[in-house]
Amino acid sequence: MSSTSPSAHLVVVDFEDISDASKDLTAELERAFGGHLSSSSSSDAASPLGIIAIRNIPNFVEAKNAFLPMAHALAHLSPEYYKALEDPTSFYNAGWSHG
């Protein structure tokens, strides 16, 4: 079965690239989130997914293994504790949010 609409593709960048301030990631951001899509913005162009995956994050597995078990304890804290972690100035993109 073929689809008439183009499929979206996940944009993947390397951690080293986002750590390098001299690296221009404009093209990757536009592919991931849309923006100034050049003349390729015809009906053949894929719609952006709105996400970027980052690969080769140093010590990612170790950090995930250390912090994931703490999720259960975090989920059972008092509502007052969560309130102190909220960050409305970031529109809840940082800090605590029930999502």
C-alpha atoms as a PDB file:
ATOM      1  CA  MET A   1       0.000   0.000   0.000  1.00  0.00           C
ATOM      2  CA  SER A   2       1.526   3.330  -0.994  1.00  0.00           C
ATOM      3  CA  SER A   3       0.807   6.671   0.542  1.00  0.00           C
ATOM      4  CA  THR A   4       0.226   9.789  -1.510  1.00  0.00           C
ATOM      5  CA  SER A   5       1.539  12.096   1.209  1.00  0.00           C
ATOM      6  CA  PRO A   6       5.267  12.330   1.918  1.00  0.00           C
ATOM      7  CA  SER A   7       6.485  10.757   5.123  1.00  0.00           C
ATOM      8  CA  ALA A   8       8.178  12.776   7.832  1.00  0.00           C
ATOM      9  CA  HIS A   9      11.707  11.870   8.831  1.00  0.00           C
ATOM     10  CA  LEU A  10      13.281  12.107  12.254  1.00  0.00           C
ATOM     11  CA  VAL A  11      16.173  14.575  12.322  1.00  0.00           C
ATOM     12  CA  VAL A  12      19.168  13.188  14.217  1.00  0.00           C
ATOM     13  CA  VAL A  13      22.149  15.290  15.298  1.00  0.00           C
ATOM     14  CA  ASP A  14      25.307  14.290  17.092  1.00  0.00           C
ATOM     15  CA  PHE A  15      25.937  15.562  20.625  1.00  0.00           C
ATOM     16  CA  GLU A  16      29.346  16.817  19.517  1.00  0.00           C
ATOM     17  CA  ASP A  17      27.657  19.016  16.897  1.00  0.00           C
ATOM     18  CA  ILE A  18      25.323  20.692  19.389  1.00  0.00           C
ATOM     19  CA  SER A  19      28.228  21.170  21.803  1.00  0.00           C
ATOM     20  CA  ASP A  20      30.221  23.083  19.181  1.00  0.00           C
ATOM     21  CA  ALA A  21      29.151  26.747  19.204  1.00  0.00           C
ATOM     22  CA  SER A  22      30.705  27.266  15.769  1.00  0.00           C
ATOM     23  CA  LYS A  23      28.549  24.541  14.183  1.00  0.00           C
ATOM     24  CA  ASP A  24      25.571  25.887  12.212  1.00  0.00           C
ATOM     25  CA  LEU A  25      22.567  23.614  12.731  1.00  0.00           C
ATOM     26  CA  THR A  26      20.062  25.867  10.968  1.00  0.00           C
ATOM     27  CA  ALA A  27      19.314  23.313   8.251  1.00  0.00           C
ATOM     28  CA  GLU A  28      18.689  20.577  10.818  1.00  0.00           C
ATOM     29  CA  LEU A  29      16.377  22.835  12.839  1.00  0.00           C
ATOM     30  CA  GLU A  30      14.401  23.768   9.731  1.00  0.00           C
ATOM     31  CA  ARG A  31      14.062  20.095   8.730  1.00  0.00           C
ATOM     32  CA  ALA A  32      12.892  19.194  12.235  1.00  0.00           C
ATOM     33  CA  PHE A  33      10.580  22.117  13.003  1.00  0.00           C
ATOM     34  CA  GLY A  34       9.838  23.788   9.693  1.00  0.00           C
ATOM     35  CA  GLY A  35      10.657  27.366   8.939  1.00  0.00           C
ATOM     36  CA  HIS A  36      12.116  28.950   5.871  1.00  0.00           C
ATOM     37  CA  LEU A  37      11.715  25.925   3.665  1.00  0.00           C
ATOM     38  CA  SER A  38      13.284  26.786   0.362  1.00  0.00           C
ATOM     39  CA  SER A  39      11.720  26.079  -3.007  1.00  0.00           C
ATOM     40  CA  SER A  40      11.411  22.451  -1.907  1.00  0.00           C
ATOM     41  CA  SER A  41       8.268  23.417   0.022  1.00  0.00           C
ATOM     42  CA  SER A  42       6.124  21.853  -2.653  1.00  0.00           C
ATOM     43  CA  SER A  43       3.687  19.058  -1.977  1.00  0.00           C
ATOM     44  CA  ASP A  44       6.603  16.617  -2.342  1.00  0.00           C
ATOM     45  CA  ALA A  45       8.316  17.935   0.802  1.00  0.00           C
ATOM     46  CA  ALA A  46       7.840  15.990   4.021  1.00  0.00           C
ATOM     47  CA  SER A  47       6.128  17.695   6.934  1.00  0.00           C
ATOM     48  CA  PRO A  48       8.407  18.213   9.924  1.00  0.00           C
ATOM     49  CA  LEU A  49       7.898  16.052  13.008  1.00  0.00           C
ATOM     50  CA  GLY A  50       8.779  18.840  15.434  1.00  0.00           C
ATOM     51  CA  ILE A  51      11.428  16.803  17.269  1.00  0.00           C
ATOM     52  CA  ILE A  52      15.178  16.241  17.063  1.00  0.00           C
ATOM     53  CA  ALA A  53      16.987  13.145  18.315  1.00  0.00           C
ATOM     54  CA  ILE A  54      20.465  13.539  19.754  1.00  0.00           C
ATOM     55  CA  ARG A  55      22.910  10.651  19.465  1.00  0.00           C
ATOM     56  CA  ASN A  56      26.247   9.891  21.133  1.00  0.00           C
ATOM     57  CA  ILE A  57      25.450  11.671  24.405  1.00  0.00           C
ATOM     58  CA  PRO A  58      28.379  10.977  26.743  1.00  0.00           C
ATOM     59  CA  ASN A  59      27.453   8.778  29.731  1.00  0.00           C
ATOM     60  CA  PHE A  60      23.783   8.703  28.704  1.00  0.00           C
ATOM     61  CA  VAL A  61      23.214   5.048  29.622  1.00  0.00           C
ATOM     62  CA  GLU A  62      24.842   5.471  33.015  1.00  0.00           C
ATOM     63  CA  ALA A  63      22.816   8.620  33.764  1.00  0.00           C
ATOM     64  CA  LYS A  64      19.573   6.989  32.653  1.00  0.00           C
ATOM     65  CA  ASN A  65      20.280   3.921  34.784  1.00  0.00           C
ATOM     66  CA  ALA A  66      21.058   6.125  37.799  1.00  0.00           C
ATOM     67  CA  PHE A  67      18.044   8.443  37.553  1.00  0.00           C
ATOM     68  CA  LEU A  68      15.234   6.289  36.164  1.00  0.00           C
ATOM     69  CA  PRO A  69      14.783   4.349  39.423  1.00  0.00           C
ATOM     70  CA  MET A  70      14.160   7.690  41.162  1.00  0.00           C
ATOM     71  CA  ALA A  71      11.023   8.296  39.073  1.00  0.00           C
ATOM     72  CA  HIS A  72       8.874   6.241  41.439  1.00  0.00           C
ATOM     73  CA  ALA A  73       9.940   8.324  44.439  1.00  0.00           C
ATOM     74  CA  LEU A  74       9.387  11.557  42.495  1.00  0.00           C
ATOM     75  CA  ALA A  75       5.905  10.456  41.477  1.00  0.00           C
ATOM     76  CA  HIS A  76       4.903  10.027  45.117  1.00  0.00           C
ATOM     77  CA  LEU A  77       6.038  13.376  46.540  1.00  0.00           C
ATOM     78  CA  SER A  78       3.600  15.873  48.023  1.00  0.00           C
ATOM     79  CA  PRO A  79       1.838  18.397  45.737  1.00  0.00           C
ATOM     80  CA  GLU A  80       3.563  21.199  47.653  1.00  0.00           C
ATOM     81  CA  TYR A  81       6.944  19.831  46.616  1.00  0.00           C
ATOM     82  CA  TYR A  82       5.910  19.790  42.930  1.00  0.00           C
ATOM     83  CA  LYS A  83       4.704  23.390  43.215  1.00  0.00           C
ATOM     84  CA  ALA A  84       8.230  24.470  44.184  1.00  0.00           C
ATOM     85  CA  LEU A  85       9.579  22.780  41.033  1.00  0.00           C
ATOM     86  CA  GLU A  86       7.169  24.449  38.578  1.00  0.00           C
ATOM     87  CA  ASP A  87       8.501  27.068  36.167  1.00  0.00           C
ATOM     88  CA  PRO A  88       5.609  29.016  34.614  1.00  0.00           C
ATOM     89  CA  THR A  89       8.032  31.572  33.098  1.00  0.00           C
ATOM     90  CA  SER A  90       9.266  28.836  30.736  1.00  0.00           C
ATOM     91  CA  PHE A  91       5.654  27.837  29.986  1.00  0.00           C
ATOM     92  CA  TYR A  92       6.437  24.679  31.994  1.00  0.00           C
ATOM     93  CA  ASN A  93       9.130  23.572  29.508  1.00  0.00           C
ATOM     94  CA  ALA A  94      11.544  23.388  32.450  1.00  0.00           C
ATOM     95  CA  GLY A  95      10.985  22.287  35.999  1.00  0.00           C
ATOM     96  CA  TRP A  96       7.996  20.149  36.957  1.00  0.00           C
ATOM     97  CA  SER A  97       4.825  19.646  34.962  1.00  0.00           C
ATOM     98  CA  HIS A  98       2.238  16.895  34.889  1.00  0.00           C
ATOM     99  CA  GLY A  99       2.294  17.473  31.137  1.00  0.00           C
END
